[in-house]
Amino acid sequence: MRSGVGEVCVVGNLPVLRRRRARRALRAARMLDEVVDTQLPFLAQFDQQRRERSANYLAELVKLAQDYRYFANGWIDAKELERRGQDAMAALNRLREDTSARPVTD
């Protein structure tokens, strides 16, 4: 099955449970890609500080989507995906809690 950029996943030869998990992981990766794709055009409208912060936030989502693809391909296991997901959430929380960034009011 080939579903997008960077996705090479042979789902057909996997056991049923693994195949379901792989499909679910690919759906999650595509959803994250859609979020990033819809938000990217707005970056040009932001001031430099907000643009950098938003770009870093989107980069974390891109990395997480890639981790889901790695899991779907069998390159990492569920435990490693969970660890990477926790790392991504921690990074996103740090970006959200950054006191130097002005609140978004527009």
PDB file of N, CA and C in Angstrom:
ATOM      1  N   MET A   1       0.853  -1.175   0.000  1.00  0.00           N
ATOM      2  CA  MET A   1       0.000   0.000   0.000  1.00  0.00           C
ATOM      3  C   MET A   1       0.891   1.227   0.000  1.00  0.00           C
ATOM      4  N   ARG A   2       0.646   2.160  -0.882  1.00  0.00           N
ATOM      5  CA  ARG A   2       1.405   3.410  -0.942  1.00  0.00           C
ATOM      6  C   ARG A   2       0.390   4.523  -0.907  1.00  0.00           C
ATOM      7  N   SER A   3       0.456   5.346   0.164  1.00  0.00           N
ATOM      8  CA  SER A   3      -0.614   6.308   0.388  1.00  0.00           C
ATOM      9  C   SER A   3      -0.186   7.757   0.351  1.00  0.00           C
ATOM     10  N   GLY A   4       1.066   8.040   0.200  1.00  0.00           N
ATOM     11  CA  GLY A   4       1.455   9.440   0.184  1.00  0.00           C
ATOM     12  C   GLY A   4       2.958   9.592   0.204  1.00  0.00           C
ATOM     13  N   VAL A   5       3.396  10.793   0.323  1.00  0.00           N
ATOM     14  CA  VAL A   5       4.808  11.096   0.317  1.00  0.00           C
ATOM     15  C   VAL A   5       5.468  10.417   1.506  1.00  0.00           C
ATOM     16  N   GLY A   6       6.483   9.632   1.249  1.00  0.00           N
ATOM     17  CA  GLY A   6       7.222   8.984   2.320  1.00  0.00           C
ATOM     18  C   GLY A   6       6.548   7.755   2.899  1.00  0.00           C
ATOM     19  N   GLU A   7       5.412   7.364   2.386  1.00  0.00           N
ATOM     20  CA  GLU A   7       4.706   6.209   2.918  1.00  0.00           C
ATOM     21  C   GLU A   7       4.911   5.010   2.011  1.00  0.00           C
ATOM     22  N   VAL A   8       5.665   4.050   2.488  1.00  0.00           N
ATOM     23  CA  VAL A   8       5.800   2.784   1.803  1.00  0.00           C
ATOM     24  C   VAL A   8       5.467   1.737   2.843  1.00  0.00           C
ATOM     25  N   CYS A   9       4.286   1.187   2.754  1.00  0.00           N
ATOM     26  CA  CYS A   9       3.844   0.252   3.777  1.00  0.00           C
ATOM     27  C   CYS A   9       3.157  -0.933   3.115  1.00  0.00           C
ATOM     28  N   VAL A  10       3.710  -2.110   3.334  1.00  0.00           N
ATOM     29  CA  VAL A  10       3.103  -3.328   2.818  1.00  0.00           C
ATOM     30  C   VAL A  10       2.227  -3.882   3.924  1.00  0.00           C
ATOM     31  N   VAL A  11       0.964  -3.562   3.878  1.00  0.00           N
ATOM     32  CA  VAL A  11       0.048  -3.959   4.935  1.00  0.00           C
ATOM     33  C   VAL A  11      -0.501  -5.356   4.696  1.00  0.00           C
ATOM     34  N   GLY A  12      -0.584  -5.804   3.467  1.00  0.00           N
ATOM     35  CA  GLY A  12      -1.229  -7.062   3.128  1.00  0.00           C
ATOM     36  C   GLY A  12      -0.628  -8.305   3.740  1.00  0.00           C
ATOM     37  N   ASN A  13       0.656  -8.351   4.023  1.00  0.00           N
ATOM     38  CA  ASN A  13       1.309  -9.547   4.538  1.00  0.00           C
ATOM     39  C   ASN A  13       1.426  -9.581   6.061  1.00  0.00           C
ATOM     40  N   LEU A  14       0.835  -8.648   6.731  1.00  0.00           N
ATOM     41  CA  LEU A  14       0.941  -8.574   8.183  1.00  0.00           C
ATOM     42  C   LEU A  14      -0.208  -9.323   8.851  1.00  0.00           C
ATOM     43  N   PRO A  15      -0.009  -9.787  10.079  1.00  0.00           N
ATOM     44  CA  PRO A  15      -1.135 -10.368  10.823  1.00  0.00           C
ATOM     45  C   PRO A  15      -2.258  -9.335  10.972  1.00  0.00           C
ATOM     46  N   VAL A  16      -3.482  -9.805  11.199  1.00  0.00           N
ATOM     47  CA  VAL A  16      -4.665  -8.935  11.211  1.00  0.00           C
ATOM     48  C   VAL A  16      -4.533  -7.793  12.208  1.00  0.00           C
ATOM     49  N   LEU A  17      -4.163  -8.073  13.450  1.00  0.00           N
ATOM     50  CA  LEU A  17      -4.064  -7.016  14.464  1.00  0.00           C
ATOM     51  C   LEU A  17      -2.999  -6.001  14.077  1.00  0.00           C
ATOM     52  N   ARG A  18      -1.863  -6.465  13.620  1.00  0.00           N
ATOM     53  CA  ARG A  18      -0.787  -5.564  13.205  1.00  0.00           C
ATOM     54  C   ARG A  18      -1.234  -4.717  12.012  1.00  0.00           C
ATOM     55  N   ARG A  19      -1.992  -5.348  11.107  1.00  0.00           N
ATOM     56  CA  ARG A  19      -2.488  -4.636   9.931  1.00  0.00           C
ATOM     57  C   ARG A  19      -3.440  -3.513  10.341  1.00  0.00           C
ATOM     58  N   ARG A  20      -4.318  -3.795  11.306  1.00  0.00           N
ATOM     59  CA  ARG A  20      -5.232  -2.747  11.797  1.00  0.00           C
ATOM     60  C   ARG A  20      -4.473  -1.604  12.439  1.00  0.00           C
ATOM     61  N   ARG A  21      -3.481  -1.949  13.237  1.00  0.00           N
ATOM     62  CA  ARG A  21      -2.673  -0.909  13.884  1.00  0.00           C
ATOM     63  C   ARG A  21      -1.921  -0.085  12.854  1.00  0.00           C
ATOM     64  N   ALA A  22      -1.419  -0.749  11.829  1.00  0.00           N
ATOM     65  CA  ALA A  22      -0.688  -0.040  10.774  1.00  0.00           C
ATOM     66  C   ALA A  22      -1.618   0.918  10.037  1.00  0.00           C
ATOM     67  N   ARG A  23      -2.820   0.458   9.714  1.00  0.00           N
ATOM     68  CA  ARG A  23      -3.781   1.333   9.030  1.00  0.00           C
ATOM     69  C   ARG A  23      -4.171   2.515   9.907  1.00  0.00           C
ATOM     70  N   ARG A  24      -4.387   2.247  11.171  1.00  0.00           N
ATOM     71  CA  ARG A  24      -4.750   3.325  12.098  1.00  0.00           C
ATOM     72  C   ARG A  24      -3.603   4.335  12.213  1.00  0.00           C
ATOM     73  N   ALA A  25      -2.370   3.841  12.258  1.00  0.00           N
ATOM     74  CA  ALA A  25      -1.206   4.727  12.335  1.00  0.00           C
ATOM     75  C   ALA A  25      -1.099   5.586  11.074  1.00  0.00           C
ATOM     76  N   LEU A  26      -1.357   4.991   9.915  1.00  0.00           N
ATOM     77  CA  LEU A  26      -1.305   5.763   8.674  1.00  0.00           C
ATOM     78  C   LEU A  26      -2.409   6.803   8.623  1.00  0.00           C
ATOM     79  N   ARG A  27      -3.593   6.468   9.147  1.00  0.00           N
ATOM     80  CA  ARG A  27      -4.680   7.458   9.212  1.00  0.00           C
ATOM     81  C   ARG A  27      -4.288   8.618  10.121  1.00  0.00           C
ATOM     82  N   ALA A  28      -3.668   8.313  11.243  1.00  0.00           N
ATOM     83  CA  ALA A  28      -3.226   9.365  12.160  1.00  0.00           C
ATOM     84  C   ALA A  28      -2.174  10.248  11.492  1.00  0.00           C
ATOM     85  N   ALA A  29      -1.248   9.636  10.768  1.00  0.00           N
ATOM     86  CA  ALA A  29      -0.208  10.402  10.070  1.00  0.00           C
ATOM     87  C   ALA A  29      -0.833  11.326   9.026  1.00  0.00           C
ATOM     88  N   ARG A  30      -1.798  10.808   8.281  1.00  0.00           N
ATOM     89  CA  ARG A  30      -2.465  11.647   7.271  1.00  0.00           C
ATOM     90  C   ARG A  30      -3.229  12.796   7.915  1.00  0.00           C
ATOM     91  N   MET A  31      -3.871  12.536   9.047  1.00  0.00           N
ATOM     92  CA  MET A  31      -4.604  13.593   9.745  1.00  0.00           C
ATOM     93  C   MET A  31      -3.639  14.694  10.201  1.00  0.00           C
ATOM     94  N   LEU A  32      -2.501  14.301  10.749  1.00  0.00           N
ATOM     95  CA  LEU A  32      -1.507  15.291  11.165  1.00  0.00           C
ATOM     96  C   LEU A  32      -0.980  16.067   9.959  1.00  0.00           C
ATOM     97  N   ASP A  33      -0.780  15.382   8.843  1.00  0.00           N
ATOM     98  CA  ASP A  33      -0.350  16.059   7.610  1.00  0.00           C
ATOM     99  C   ASP A  33      -1.375  17.099   7.173  1.00  0.00           C
ATOM    100  N   GLU A  34      -2.649  16.756   7.277  1.00  0.00           N
ATOM    101  CA  GLU A  34      -3.707  17.696   6.899  1.00  0.00           C
ATOM    102  C   GLU A  34      -3.701  18.928   7.798  1.00  0.00           C
ATOM    103  N   VAL A  35      -3.495  18.723   9.080  1.00  0.00           N
ATOM    104  CA  VAL A  35      -3.421  19.857  10.010  1.00  0.00           C
ATOM    105  C   VAL A  35      -2.277  20.780   9.607  1.00  0.00           C
ATOM    106  N   VAL A  36      -1.113  20.206   9.367  1.00  0.00           N
ATOM    107  CA  VAL A  36       0.052  21.009   8.982  1.00  0.00           C
ATOM    108  C   VAL A  36      -0.208  21.721   7.653  1.00  0.00           C
ATOM    109  N   ASP A  37      -0.741  20.988   6.680  1.00  0.00           N
ATOM    110  CA  ASP A  37      -0.996  21.588   5.365  1.00  0.00           C
ATOM    111  C   ASP A  37      -1.978  22.754   5.430  1.00  0.00           C
ATOM    112  N   THR A  38      -2.966  22.673   6.299  1.00  0.00           N
ATOM    113  CA  THR A  38      -3.932  23.771   6.393  1.00  0.00           C
ATOM    114  C   THR A  38      -3.360  24.964   7.152  1.00  0.00           C
ATOM    115  N   GLN A  39      -2.408  24.739   8.042  1.00  0.00           N
ATOM    116  CA  GLN A  39      -1.858  25.830   8.836  1.00  0.00           C
ATOM    117  C   GLN A  39      -0.669  26.522   8.184  1.00  0.00           C
ATOM    118  N   LEU A  40       0.052  25.841   7.327  1.00  0.00           N
ATOM    119  CA  LEU A  40       1.251  26.425   6.706  1.00  0.00           C
ATOM    120  C   LEU A  40       1.014  27.762   6.004  1.00  0.00           C
ATOM    121  N   PRO A  41      -0.047  27.914   5.227  1.00  0.00           N
ATOM    122  CA  PRO A  41      -0.240  29.198   4.533  1.00  0.00           C
ATOM    123  C   PRO A  41      -0.362  30.401   5.477  1.00  0.00           C
ATOM    124  N   PHE A  42      -0.773  30.185   6.704  1.00  0.00           N
ATOM    125  CA  PHE A  42      -0.951  31.290   7.642  1.00  0.00           C
ATOM    126  C   PHE A  42       0.370  31.817   8.193  1.00  0.00           C
ATOM    127  N   LEU A  43       1.434  31.033   8.124  1.00  0.00           N
ATOM    128  CA  LEU A  43       2.713  31.456   8.694  1.00  0.00           C
ATOM    129  C   LEU A  43       3.219  32.760   8.096  1.00  0.00           C
ATOM    130  N   ALA A  44       3.002  32.959   6.814  1.00  0.00           N
ATOM    131  CA  ALA A  44       3.501  34.170   6.148  1.00  0.00           C
ATOM    132  C   ALA A  44       2.868  35.439   6.708  1.00  0.00           C
ATOM    133  N   GLN A  45       1.695  35.323   7.309  1.00  0.00           N
ATOM    134  CA  GLN A  45       0.989  36.488   7.837  1.00  0.00           C
ATOM    135  C   GLN A  45       1.478  36.902   9.226  1.00  0.00           C
ATOM    136  N   PHE A  46       2.244  36.033   9.890  1.00  0.00           N
ATOM    137  CA  PHE A  46       2.652  36.286  11.275  1.00  0.00           C
ATOM    138  C   PHE A  46       3.928  37.106  11.337  1.00  0.00           C
ATOM    139  N   ASP A  47       4.129  37.773  12.483  1.00  0.00           N
ATOM    140  CA  ASP A  47       5.406  38.438  12.710  1.00  0.00           C
ATOM    141  C   ASP A  47       6.477  37.360  12.937  1.00  0.00           C
ATOM    142  N   GLN A  48       7.741  37.755  12.937  1.00  0.00           N
ATOM    143  CA  GLN A  48       8.863  36.809  12.978  1.00  0.00           C
ATOM    144  C   GLN A  48       8.794  35.872  14.190  1.00  0.00           C
ATOM    145  N   GLN A  49       8.579  36.413  15.374  1.00  0.00           N
ATOM    146  CA  GLN A  49       8.565  35.577  16.589  1.00  0.00           C
ATOM    147  C   GLN A  49       7.432  34.562  16.536  1.00  0.00           C
ATOM    148  N   ARG A  50       6.260  35.006  16.158  1.00  0.00           N
ATOM    149  CA  ARG A  50       5.107  34.112  16.097  1.00  0.00           C
ATOM    150  C   ARG A  50       5.265  33.091  14.973  1.00  0.00           C
ATOM    151  N   ARG A  51       5.869  33.503  13.864  1.00  0.00           N
ATOM    152  CA  ARG A  51       6.104  32.586  12.746  1.00  0.00           C
ATOM    153  C   ARG A  51       7.058  31.465  13.155  1.00  0.00           C
ATOM    154  N   GLU A  52       8.136  31.828  13.854  1.00  0.00           N
ATOM    155  CA  GLU A  52       9.101  30.812  14.295  1.00  0.00           C
ATOM    156  C   GLU A  52       8.462  29.837  15.279  1.00  0.00           C
ATOM    157  N   ARG A  53       7.700  30.372  16.211  1.00  0.00           N
ATOM    158  CA  ARG A  53       7.041  29.528  17.203  1.00  0.00           C
ATOM    159  C   ARG A  53       6.032  28.595  16.533  1.00  0.00           C
ATOM    160  N   SER A  54       5.254  29.126  15.622  1.00  0.00           N
ATOM    161  CA  SER A  54       4.269  28.312  14.913  1.00  0.00           C
ATOM    162  C   SER A  54       4.946  27.268  14.032  1.00  0.00           C
ATOM    163  N   ALA A  55       6.038  27.645  13.382  1.00  0.00           N
ATOM    164  CA  ALA A  55       6.775  26.697  12.541  1.00  0.00           C
ATOM    165  C   ALA A  55       7.343  25.562  13.390  1.00  0.00           C
ATOM    166  N   ASN A  56       7.839  25.879  14.579  1.00  0.00           N
ATOM    167  CA  ASN A  56       8.348  24.839  15.474  1.00  0.00           C
ATOM    168  C   ASN A  56       7.227  23.900  15.912  1.00  0.00           C
ATOM    169  N   TYR A  57       6.072  24.456  16.175  1.00  0.00           N
ATOM    170  CA  TYR A  57       4.908  23.659  16.565  1.00  0.00           C
ATOM    171  C   TYR A  57       4.528  22.703  15.429  1.00  0.00           C
ATOM    172  N   LEU A  58       4.459  23.232  14.206  1.00  0.00           N
ATOM    173  CA  LEU A  58       4.113  22.393  13.059  1.00  0.00           C
ATOM    174  C   LEU A  58       5.195  21.343  12.786  1.00  0.00           C
ATOM    175  N   ALA A  59       6.461  21.701  13.015  1.00  0.00           N
ATOM    176  CA  ALA A  59       7.551  20.738  12.816  1.00  0.00           C
ATOM    177  C   ALA A  59       7.401  19.551  13.766  1.00  0.00           C
ATOM    178  N   GLU A  60       6.967  19.808  14.985  1.00  0.00           N
ATOM    179  CA  GLU A  60       6.727  18.699  15.928  1.00  0.00           C
ATOM    180  C   GLU A  60       5.624  17.785  15.410  1.00  0.00           C
ATOM    181  N   LEU A  61       4.580  18.368  14.825  1.00  0.00           N
ATOM    182  CA  LEU A  61       3.499  17.558  14.264  1.00  0.00           C
ATOM    183  C   LEU A  61       3.990  16.728  13.080  1.00  0.00           C
ATOM    184  N   VAL A  62       4.861  17.307  12.256  1.00  0.00           N
ATOM    185  CA  VAL A  62       5.433  16.580  11.117  1.00  0.00           C
ATOM    186  C   VAL A  62       6.261  15.400  11.618  1.00  0.00           C
ATOM    187  N   LYS A  63       7.077  15.630  12.647  1.00  0.00           N
ATOM    188  CA  LYS A  63       7.892  14.542  13.202  1.00  0.00           C
ATOM    189  C   LYS A  63       7.011  13.434  13.771  1.00  0.00           C
ATOM    190  N   LEU A  64       5.931  13.815  14.442  1.00  0.00           N
ATOM    191  CA  LEU A  64       5.023  12.817  15.002  1.00  0.00           C
ATOM    192  C   LEU A  64       4.346  12.020  13.882  1.00  0.00           C
ATOM    193  N   ALA A  65       3.942  12.679  12.819  1.00  0.00           N
ATOM    194  CA  ALA A  65       3.352  11.974  11.678  1.00  0.00           C
ATOM    195  C   ALA A  65       4.355  10.971  11.107  1.00  0.00           C
ATOM    196  N   GLN A  66       5.609  11.373  11.018  1.00  0.00           N
ATOM    197  CA  GLN A  66       6.640  10.462  10.511  1.00  0.00           C
ATOM    198  C   GLN A  66       6.820   9.272  11.444  1.00  0.00           C
ATOM    199  N   ASP A  67       6.741   9.501  12.742  1.00  0.00           N
ATOM    200  CA  ASP A  67       6.847   8.398  13.701  1.00  0.00           C
ATOM    201  C   ASP A  67       5.700   7.405  13.527  1.00  0.00           C
ATOM    202  N   TYR A  68       4.502   7.909  13.249  1.00  0.00           N
ATOM    203  CA  TYR A  68       3.384   7.009  12.973  1.00  0.00           C
ATOM    204  C   TYR A  68       3.660   6.173  11.722  1.00  0.00           C
ATOM    205  N   ARG A  69       4.279   6.764  10.712  1.00  0.00           N
ATOM    206  CA  ARG A  69       4.623   6.006   9.509  1.00  0.00           C
ATOM    207  C   ARG A  69       5.689   4.955   9.818  1.00  0.00           C
ATOM    208  N   TYR A  70       6.666   5.322  10.644  1.00  0.00           N
ATOM    209  CA  TYR A  70       7.685   4.344  11.046  1.00  0.00           C
ATOM    210  C   TYR A  70       7.034   3.148  11.733  1.00  0.00           C
ATOM    211  N   PHE A  71       6.070   3.426  12.609  1.00  0.00           N
ATOM    212  CA  PHE A  71       5.353   2.348  13.284  1.00  0.00           C
ATOM    213  C   PHE A  71       4.585   1.488  12.280  1.00  0.00           C
ATOM    214  N   ALA A  72       3.882   2.129  11.358  1.00  0.00           N
ATOM    215  CA  ALA A  72       3.106   1.396  10.347  1.00  0.00           C
ATOM    216  C   ALA A  72       4.008   0.494   9.506  1.00  0.00           C
ATOM    217  N   ASN A  73       5.223   0.941   9.251  1.00  0.00           N
ATOM    218  CA  ASN A  73       6.169   0.155   8.460  1.00  0.00           C
ATOM    219  C   ASN A  73       6.889  -0.902   9.290  1.00  0.00           C
ATOM    220  N   GLY A  74       6.684  -0.888  10.606  1.00  0.00           N
ATOM    221  CA  GLY A  74       7.338  -1.872  11.465  1.00  0.00           C
ATOM    222  C   GLY A  74       8.756  -1.498  11.856  1.00  0.00           C
ATOM    223  N   TRP A  75       9.157  -0.276  11.611  1.00  0.00           N
ATOM    224  CA  TRP A  75      10.513   0.151  11.931  1.00  0.00           C
ATOM    225  C   TRP A  75      10.666   0.491  13.404  1.00  0.00           C
ATOM    226  N   ILE A  76       9.572   0.840  14.080  1.00  0.00           N
ATOM    227  CA  ILE A  76       9.581   1.032  15.533  1.00  0.00           C
ATOM    228  C   ILE A  76       8.377   0.285  16.104  1.00  0.00           C
ATOM    229  N   ASP A  77       8.465  -0.085  17.372  1.00  0.00           N
ATOM    230  CA  ASP A  77       7.342  -0.799  17.996  1.00  0.00           C
ATOM    231  C   ASP A  77       6.423   0.189  18.714  1.00  0.00           C
ATOM    232  N   ALA A  78       5.331  -0.344  19.261  1.00  0.00           N
ATOM    233  CA  ALA A  78       4.327   0.508  19.910  1.00  0.00           C
ATOM    234  C   ALA A  78       4.910   1.245  21.113  1.00  0.00           C
ATOM    235  N   LYS A  79       5.809   0.607  21.821  1.00  0.00           N
ATOM    236  CA  LYS A  79       6.430   1.254  22.989  1.00  0.00           C
ATOM    237  C   LYS A  79       7.252   2.473  22.565  1.00  0.00           C
ATOM    238  N   GLU A  80       8.003   2.323  21.477  1.00  0.00           N
ATOM    239  CA  GLU A  80       8.805   3.445  20.973  1.00  0.00           C
ATOM    240  C   GLU A  80       7.910   4.550  20.420  1.00  0.00           C
ATOM    241  N   LEU A  81       6.831   4.173  19.745  1.00  0.00           N
ATOM    242  CA  LEU A  81       5.878   5.175  19.258  1.00  0.00           C
ATOM    243  C   LEU A  81       5.284   5.948  20.430  1.00  0.00           C
ATOM    244  N   GLU A  82       4.938   5.252  21.487  1.00  0.00           N
ATOM    245  CA  GLU A  82       4.393   5.906  22.684  1.00  0.00           C
ATOM    246  C   GLU A  82       5.407   6.884  23.274  1.00  0.00           C
ATOM    247  N   ARG A  83       6.677   6.464  23.361  1.00  0.00           N
ATOM    248  CA  ARG A  83       7.725   7.336  23.904  1.00  0.00           C
ATOM    249  C   ARG A  83       7.883   8.585  23.033  1.00  0.00           C
ATOM    250  N   ARG A  84       7.904   8.389  21.731  1.00  0.00           N
ATOM    251  CA  ARG A  84       8.050   9.532  20.822  1.00  0.00           C
ATOM    252  C   ARG A  84       6.831  10.447  20.887  1.00  0.00           C
ATOM    253  N   GLY A  85       5.665   9.857  21.046  1.00  0.00           N
ATOM    254  CA  GLY A  85       4.451  10.660  21.197  1.00  0.00           C
ATOM    255  C   GLY A  85       4.494  11.498  22.463  1.00  0.00           C
ATOM    256  N   GLN A  86       4.962  10.905  23.558  1.00  0.00           N
ATOM    257  CA  GLN A  86       5.108  11.648  24.814  1.00  0.00           C
ATOM    258  C   GLN A  86       6.123  12.786  24.657  1.00  0.00           C
ATOM    259  N   ASP A  87       7.230  12.506  23.968  1.00  0.00           N
ATOM    260  CA  ASP A  87       8.235  13.553  23.713  1.00  0.00           C
ATOM    261  C   ASP A  87       7.639  14.699  22.893  1.00  0.00           C
ATOM    262  N   ALA A  88       6.849  14.351  21.883  1.00  0.00           N
ATOM    263  CA  ALA A  88       6.218  15.374  21.039  1.00  0.00           C
ATOM    264  C   ALA A  88       5.252  16.219  21.865  1.00  0.00           C
ATOM    265  N   MET A  89       4.450  15.567  22.699  1.00  0.00           N
ATOM    266  CA  MET A  89       3.501  16.314  23.534  1.00  0.00           C
ATOM    267  C   MET A  89       4.230  17.235  24.507  1.00  0.00           C
ATOM    268  N   ALA A  90       5.333  16.771  25.068  1.00  0.00           N
ATOM    269  CA  ALA A  90       6.116  17.615  25.977  1.00  0.00           C
ATOM    270  C   ALA A  90       6.666  18.830  25.233  1.00  0.00           C
ATOM    271  N   ALA A  91       7.162  18.612  24.031  1.00  0.00           N
ATOM    272  CA  ALA A  91       7.695  19.730  23.229  1.00  0.00           C
ATOM    273  C   ALA A  91       6.588  20.714  22.876  1.00  0.00           C
ATOM    274  N   LEU A  92       5.413  20.205  22.504  1.00  0.00           N
ATOM    275  CA  LEU A  92       4.286  21.079  22.174  1.00  0.00           C
ATOM    276  C   LEU A  92       3.829  21.869  23.403  1.00  0.00           C
ATOM    277  N   ASN A  93       3.814  21.228  24.554  1.00  0.00           N
ATOM    278  CA  ASN A  93       3.441  21.932  25.791  1.00  0.00           C
ATOM    279  C   ASN A  93       4.444  23.026  26.129  1.00  0.00           C
ATOM    280  N   ARG A  94       5.740  22.742  25.927  1.00  0.00           N
ATOM    281  CA  ARG A  94       6.759  23.777  26.179  1.00  0.00           C
ATOM    282  C   ARG A  94       6.543  24.970  25.263  1.00  0.00           C
ATOM    283  N   LEU A  95       6.239  24.700  24.006  1.00  0.00           N
ATOM    284  CA  LEU A  95       5.981  25.805  23.063  1.00  0.00           C
ATOM    285  C   LEU A  95       4.740  26.588  23.468  1.00  0.00           C
ATOM    286  N   ARG A  96       3.725  25.889  23.925  1.00  0.00           N
ATOM    287  CA  ARG A  96       2.471  26.538  24.317  1.00  0.00           C
ATOM    288  C   ARG A  96       2.659  27.379  25.581  1.00  0.00           C
ATOM    289  N   GLU A  97       3.514  26.920  26.478  1.00  0.00           N
ATOM    290  CA  GLU A  97       3.713  27.610  27.757  1.00  0.00           C
ATOM    291  C   GLU A  97       4.782  28.693  27.703  1.00  0.00           C
ATOM    292  N   ASP A  98       5.373  28.906  26.561  1.00  0.00           N
ATOM    293  CA  ASP A  98       6.422  29.909  26.404  1.00  0.00           C
ATOM    294  C   ASP A  98       5.868  31.279  26.775  1.00  0.00           C
ATOM    295  N   THR A  99       6.377  31.844  27.867  1.00  0.00           N
ATOM    296  CA  THR A  99       5.869  33.134  28.356  1.00  0.00           C
ATOM    297  C   THR A  99       6.368  34.313  27.514  1.00  0.00           C
ATOM    298  N   SER A 100       7.400  34.091  26.720  1.00  0.00           N
ATOM    299  CA  SER A 100       7.912  35.200  25.903  1.00  0.00           C
ATOM    300  C   SER A 100       7.041  35.432  24.675  1.00  0.00           C
ATOM    301  N   ALA A 101       6.210  34.457  24.353  1.00  0.00           N
ATOM    302  CA  ALA A 101       5.347  34.602  23.172  1.00  0.00           C
ATOM    303  C   ALA A 101       4.096  35.364  23.570  1.00  0.00           C
ATOM    304  N   ARG A 102       3.698  36.259  22.706  1.00  0.00           N
ATOM    305  CA  ARG A 102       2.483  37.025  22.982  1.00  0.00           C
ATOM    306  C   ARG A 102       1.259  36.163  22.711  1.00  0.00           C
ATOM    307  N   PRO A 103       0.199  36.374  23.442  1.00  0.00           N
ATOM    308  CA  PRO A 103      -1.012  35.587  23.174  1.00  0.00           C
ATOM    309  C   PRO A 103      -1.607  35.940  21.822  1.00  0.00           C
ATOM    310  N   VAL A 104      -2.216  34.948  21.213  1.00  0.00           N
ATOM    311  CA  VAL A 104      -2.853  35.161  19.914  1.00  0.00           C
ATOM    312  C   VAL A 104      -4.213  35.798  20.158  1.00  0.00           C
ATOM    313  N   THR A 105      -4.402  37.039  19.663  1.00  0.00           N
ATOM    314  CA  THR A 105      -5.667  37.738  19.880  1.00  0.00           C
ATOM    315  C   THR A 105      -6.376  38.095  18.591  1.00  0.00           C
ATOM    316  N   ASP A 106      -5.694  37.897  17.442  1.00  0.00           N
ATOM    317  CA  ASP A 106      -6.330  38.262  16.182  1.00  0.00           C
ATOM    318  C   ASP A 106      -6.874  37.066  15.455  1.00  0.00           C
TER     319      ASP A 106
END
